[in-house]
């Protein structure tokens, strides 16, 4: 099981700056990956099972 850590969520500013398609994907529980991010992808909708 994956344990949620702070870097796994986008900040509100990052969310506000997402393109519409990426925002809808993230909002529906999808992951958004950034080439400049040294970690992994960030995934939305943590409350969904």
PDB file of N, CA and C in Angstrom:
ATOM      1  N   UNK A   1       0.844  -1.188   0.000  1.00  0.00           N
ATOM      2  CA  UNK A   1       0.000   0.000   0.000  1.00  0.00           C
ATOM      3  C   UNK A   1       0.886   1.248   0.000  1.00  0.00           C
ATOM      4  N   UNK A   2       0.507   2.212  -0.761  1.00  0.00           N
ATOM      5  CA  UNK A   2       1.265   3.455  -0.859  1.00  0.00           C
ATOM      6  C   UNK A   2       0.881   4.397   0.281  1.00  0.00           C
ATOM      7  N   UNK A   3       1.859   4.915   0.977  1.00  0.00           N
ATOM      8  CA  UNK A   3       1.603   5.842   2.068  1.00  0.00           C
ATOM      9  C   UNK A   3       1.719   7.263   1.542  1.00  0.00           C
ATOM     10  N   UNK A   4       0.676   8.038   1.761  1.00  0.00           N
ATOM     11  CA  UNK A   4       0.637   9.414   1.268  1.00  0.00           C
ATOM     12  C   UNK A   4       1.670  10.275   1.993  1.00  0.00           C
ATOM     13  N   UNK A   5       2.458  11.011   1.218  1.00  0.00           N
ATOM     14  CA  UNK A   5       3.432  11.945   1.758  1.00  0.00           C
ATOM     15  C   UNK A   5       3.157  13.331   1.180  1.00  0.00           C
ATOM     16  N   UNK A   6       3.729  14.357   1.811  1.00  0.00           N
ATOM     17  CA  UNK A   6       3.430  15.733   1.419  1.00  0.00           C
ATOM     18  C   UNK A   6       3.685  16.010  -0.056  1.00  0.00           C
ATOM     19  N   UNK A   7       4.765  15.460  -0.617  1.00  0.00           N
ATOM     20  CA  UNK A   7       5.105  15.777  -1.996  1.00  0.00           C
ATOM     21  C   UNK A   7       4.148  15.147  -3.005  1.00  0.00           C
ATOM     22  N   UNK A   8       3.301  14.246  -2.547  1.00  0.00           N
ATOM     23  CA  UNK A   8       2.400  13.549  -3.464  1.00  0.00           C
ATOM     24  C   UNK A   8       1.182  14.374  -3.840  1.00  0.00           C
ATOM     25  N   UNK A   9       0.979  15.494  -3.209  1.00  0.00           N
ATOM     26  CA  UNK A   9      -0.152  16.360  -3.530  1.00  0.00           C
ATOM     27  C   UNK A   9       0.347  17.674  -4.115  1.00  0.00           C
ATOM     28  N   UNK A  10      -0.426  18.214  -5.010  1.00  0.00           N
ATOM     29  CA  UNK A  10      -0.101  19.526  -5.550  1.00  0.00           C
ATOM     30  C   UNK A  10      -0.577  20.601  -4.591  1.00  0.00           C
ATOM     31  N   UNK A  11       0.116  21.729  -4.588  1.00  0.00           N
ATOM     32  CA  UNK A  11      -0.347  22.881  -3.807  1.00  0.00           C
ATOM     33  C   UNK A  11      -1.527  23.512  -4.548  1.00  0.00           C
ATOM     34  N   UNK A  12      -2.254  24.372  -3.877  1.00  0.00           N
ATOM     35  CA  UNK A  12      -3.373  25.049  -4.531  1.00  0.00           C
ATOM     36  C   UNK A  12      -2.886  25.872  -5.712  1.00  0.00           C
ATOM     37  N   UNK A  13      -1.735  26.504  -5.569  1.00  0.00           N
ATOM     38  CA  UNK A  13      -1.180  27.292  -6.675  1.00  0.00           C
ATOM     39  C   UNK A  13      -0.870  26.409  -7.882  1.00  0.00           C
ATOM     40  N   UNK A  14      -0.278  25.244  -7.614  1.00  0.00           N
ATOM     41  CA  UNK A  14       0.023  24.316  -8.707  1.00  0.00           C
ATOM     42  C   UNK A  14      -1.259  23.824  -9.369  1.00  0.00           C
ATOM     43  N   UNK A  15      -2.267  23.544  -8.565  1.00  0.00           N
ATOM     44  CA  UNK A  15      -3.561  23.111  -9.106  1.00  0.00           C
ATOM     45  C   UNK A  15      -4.161  24.210  -9.976  1.00  0.00           C
ATOM     46  N   UNK A  16      -4.109  25.450  -9.495  1.00  0.00           N
ATOM     47  CA  UNK A  16      -4.671  26.573 -10.242  1.00  0.00           C
ATOM     48  C   UNK A  16      -3.973  26.777 -11.581  1.00  0.00           C
ATOM     49  N   UNK A  17      -2.713  26.391 -11.664  1.00  0.00           N
ATOM     50  CA  UNK A  17      -1.932  26.598 -12.881  1.00  0.00           C
ATOM     51  C   UNK A  17      -1.967  25.412 -13.845  1.00  0.00           C
ATOM     52  N   UNK A  18      -2.665  24.346 -13.466  1.00  0.00           N
ATOM     53  CA  UNK A  18      -2.751  23.192 -14.362  1.00  0.00           C
ATOM     54  C   UNK A  18      -3.595  23.518 -15.596  1.00  0.00           C
ATOM     55  N   UNK A  19      -3.213  22.992 -16.742  1.00  0.00           N
ATOM     56  CA  UNK A  19      -4.102  23.099 -17.901  1.00  0.00           C
ATOM     57  C   UNK A  19      -5.413  22.375 -17.589  1.00  0.00           C
ATOM     58  N   UNK A  20      -6.489  22.785 -18.227  1.00  0.00           N
ATOM     59  CA  UNK A  20      -7.815  22.235 -17.930  1.00  0.00           C
ATOM     60  C   UNK A  20      -7.845  20.701 -18.016  1.00  0.00           C
ATOM     61  N   UNK A  21      -7.243  20.137 -19.036  1.00  0.00           N
ATOM     62  CA  UNK A  21      -7.256  18.676 -19.193  1.00  0.00           C
ATOM     63  C   UNK A  21      -6.544  17.988 -18.033  1.00  0.00           C
ATOM     64  N   UNK A  22      -5.394  18.556 -17.621  1.00  0.00           N
ATOM     65  CA  UNK A  22      -4.652  17.972 -16.499  1.00  0.00           C
ATOM     66  C   UNK A  22      -5.436  18.106 -15.203  1.00  0.00           C
ATOM     67  N   UNK A  23      -6.117  19.247 -15.030  1.00  0.00           N
ATOM     68  CA  UNK A  23      -6.899  19.452 -13.816  1.00  0.00           C
ATOM     69  C   UNK A  23      -8.031  18.433 -13.728  1.00  0.00           C
ATOM     70  N   UNK A  24      -8.755  18.219 -14.807  1.00  0.00           N
ATOM     71  CA  UNK A  24      -9.854  17.261 -14.797  1.00  0.00           C
ATOM     72  C   UNK A  24      -9.346  15.855 -14.509  1.00  0.00           C
ATOM     73  N   UNK A  25      -8.214  15.512 -15.086  1.00  0.00           N
ATOM     74  CA  UNK A  25      -7.597  14.205 -14.860  1.00  0.00           C
ATOM     75  C   UNK A  25      -7.214  14.053 -13.384  1.00  0.00           C
ATOM     76  N   UNK A  26      -6.571  15.058 -12.827  1.00  0.00           N
ATOM     77  CA  UNK A  26      -6.150  15.051 -11.417  1.00  0.00           C
ATOM     78  C   UNK A  26      -7.362  14.998 -10.487  1.00  0.00           C
ATOM     79  N   UNK A  27      -8.369  15.800 -10.796  1.00  0.00           N
ATOM     80  CA  UNK A  27      -9.580  15.869  -9.980  1.00  0.00           C
ATOM     81  C   UNK A  27     -10.278  14.507  -9.923  1.00  0.00           C
ATOM     82  N   UNK A  28     -10.206  13.755 -11.000  1.00  0.00           N
ATOM     83  CA  UNK A  28     -10.861  12.456 -11.063  1.00  0.00           C
ATOM     84  C   UNK A  28      -9.984  11.317 -10.565  1.00  0.00           C
ATOM     85  N   UNK A  29      -8.871  11.648  -9.919  1.00  0.00           N
ATOM     86  CA  UNK A  29      -8.041  10.630  -9.305  1.00  0.00           C
ATOM     87  C   UNK A  29      -6.839  10.227 -10.133  1.00  0.00           C
ATOM     88  N   UNK A  30      -6.658  10.854 -11.282  1.00  0.00           N
ATOM     89  CA  UNK A  30      -5.522  10.524 -12.130  1.00  0.00           C
ATOM     90  C   UNK A  30      -4.228  11.130 -11.627  1.00  0.00           C
ATOM     91  N   UNK A  31      -3.139  10.661 -12.174  1.00  0.00           N
ATOM     92  CA  UNK A  31      -1.821  11.155 -11.789  1.00  0.00           C
ATOM     93  C   UNK A  31      -1.297  12.129 -12.835  1.00  0.00           C
ATOM     94  N   UNK A  32      -0.594  13.134 -12.373  1.00  0.00           N
ATOM     95  CA  UNK A  32       0.035  14.120 -13.247  1.00  0.00           C
ATOM     96  C   UNK A  32       1.537  14.027 -13.014  1.00  0.00           C
ATOM     97  N   UNK A  33       2.300  13.855 -14.082  1.00  0.00           N
ATOM     98  CA  UNK A  33       3.744  13.688 -13.964  1.00  0.00           C
ATOM     99  C   UNK A  33       4.465  14.914 -14.522  1.00  0.00           C
ATOM    100  N   UNK A  34       5.531  15.295 -13.876  1.00  0.00           N
ATOM    101  CA  UNK A  34       6.315  16.449 -14.291  1.00  0.00           C
ATOM    102  C   UNK A  34       7.749  16.020 -14.521  1.00  0.00           C
ATOM    103  N   UNK A  35       8.289  16.306 -15.677  1.00  0.00           N
ATOM    104  CA  UNK A  35       9.660  15.895 -16.011  1.00  0.00           C
ATOM    105  C   UNK A  35      10.678  16.548 -15.081  1.00  0.00           C
ATOM    106  N   UNK A  36      10.369  17.734 -14.572  1.00  0.00           N
ATOM    107  CA  UNK A  36      11.312  18.441 -13.714  1.00  0.00           C
ATOM    108  C   UNK A  36      11.232  17.983 -12.263  1.00  0.00           C
ATOM    109  N   UNK A  37      10.269  17.136 -11.951  1.00  0.00           N
ATOM    110  CA  UNK A  37      10.065  16.707 -10.571  1.00  0.00           C
ATOM    111  C   UNK A  37      10.943  15.509 -10.265  1.00  0.00           C
ATOM    112  N   UNK A  38      11.775  15.620  -9.264  1.00  0.00           N
ATOM    113  CA  UNK A  38      12.705  14.538  -8.931  1.00  0.00           C
ATOM    114  C   UNK A  38      12.002  13.379  -8.239  1.00  0.00           C
ATOM    115  N   UNK A  39      10.792  13.609  -7.766  1.00  0.00           N
ATOM    116  CA  UNK A  39      10.071  12.547  -7.076  1.00  0.00           C
ATOM    117  C   UNK A  39       9.327  11.677  -8.084  1.00  0.00           C
ATOM    118  N   UNK A  40       8.056  11.500  -7.888  1.00  0.00           N
ATOM    119  CA  UNK A  40       7.254  10.712  -8.811  1.00  0.00           C
ATOM    120  C   UNK A  40       6.143  11.591  -9.335  1.00  0.00           C
ATOM    121  N   UNK A  41       5.122  10.924  -9.818  1.00  0.00           N
ATOM    122  CA  UNK A  41       3.927  11.644 -10.238  1.00  0.00           C
ATOM    123  C   UNK A  41       3.098  11.991  -8.995  1.00  0.00           C
ATOM    124  N   UNK A  42       2.276  12.995  -9.112  1.00  0.00           N
ATOM    125  CA  UNK A  42       1.341  13.330  -8.045  1.00  0.00           C
ATOM    126  C   UNK A  42      -0.043  12.885  -8.500  1.00  0.00           C
ATOM    127  N   UNK A  43      -0.807  12.354  -7.571  1.00  0.00           N
ATOM    128  CA  UNK A  43      -2.105  11.787  -7.920  1.00  0.00           C
ATOM    129  C   UNK A  43      -3.207  12.448  -7.111  1.00  0.00           C
ATOM    130  N   UNK A  44      -4.330  12.641  -7.740  1.00  0.00           N
ATOM    131  CA  UNK A  44      -5.456  13.296  -7.080  1.00  0.00           C
ATOM    132  C   UNK A  44      -6.427  12.322  -6.461  1.00  0.00           C
ATOM    133  N   UNK A  45      -7.457  12.877  -5.860  1.00  0.00           N
ATOM    134  CA  UNK A  45      -8.600  12.133  -5.308  1.00  0.00           C
ATOM    135  C   UNK A  45      -8.170  11.023  -4.358  1.00  0.00           C
ATOM    136  N   UNK A  46      -7.434  11.373  -3.328  1.00  0.00           N
ATOM    137  CA  UNK A  46      -6.967  10.381  -2.357  1.00  0.00           C
ATOM    138  C   UNK A  46      -8.105   9.758  -1.569  1.00  0.00           C
ATOM    139  N   UNK A  47      -9.257  10.411  -1.532  1.00  0.00           N
ATOM    140  CA  UNK A  47     -10.363   9.892  -0.730  1.00  0.00           C
ATOM    141  C   UNK A  47     -11.118   8.784  -1.455  1.00  0.00           C
ATOM    142  N   UNK A  48     -10.845   8.577  -2.717  1.00  0.00           N
ATOM    143  CA  UNK A  48     -11.517   7.519  -3.479  1.00  0.00           C
ATOM    144  C   UNK A  48     -10.828   6.193  -3.275  1.00  0.00           C
ATOM    145  N   UNK A  49     -11.602   5.109  -3.339  1.00  0.00           N
ATOM    146  CA  UNK A  49     -11.026   3.777  -3.186  1.00  0.00           C
ATOM    147  C   UNK A  49     -11.107   3.012  -4.483  1.00  0.00           C
TER     148      UNK A  49
END
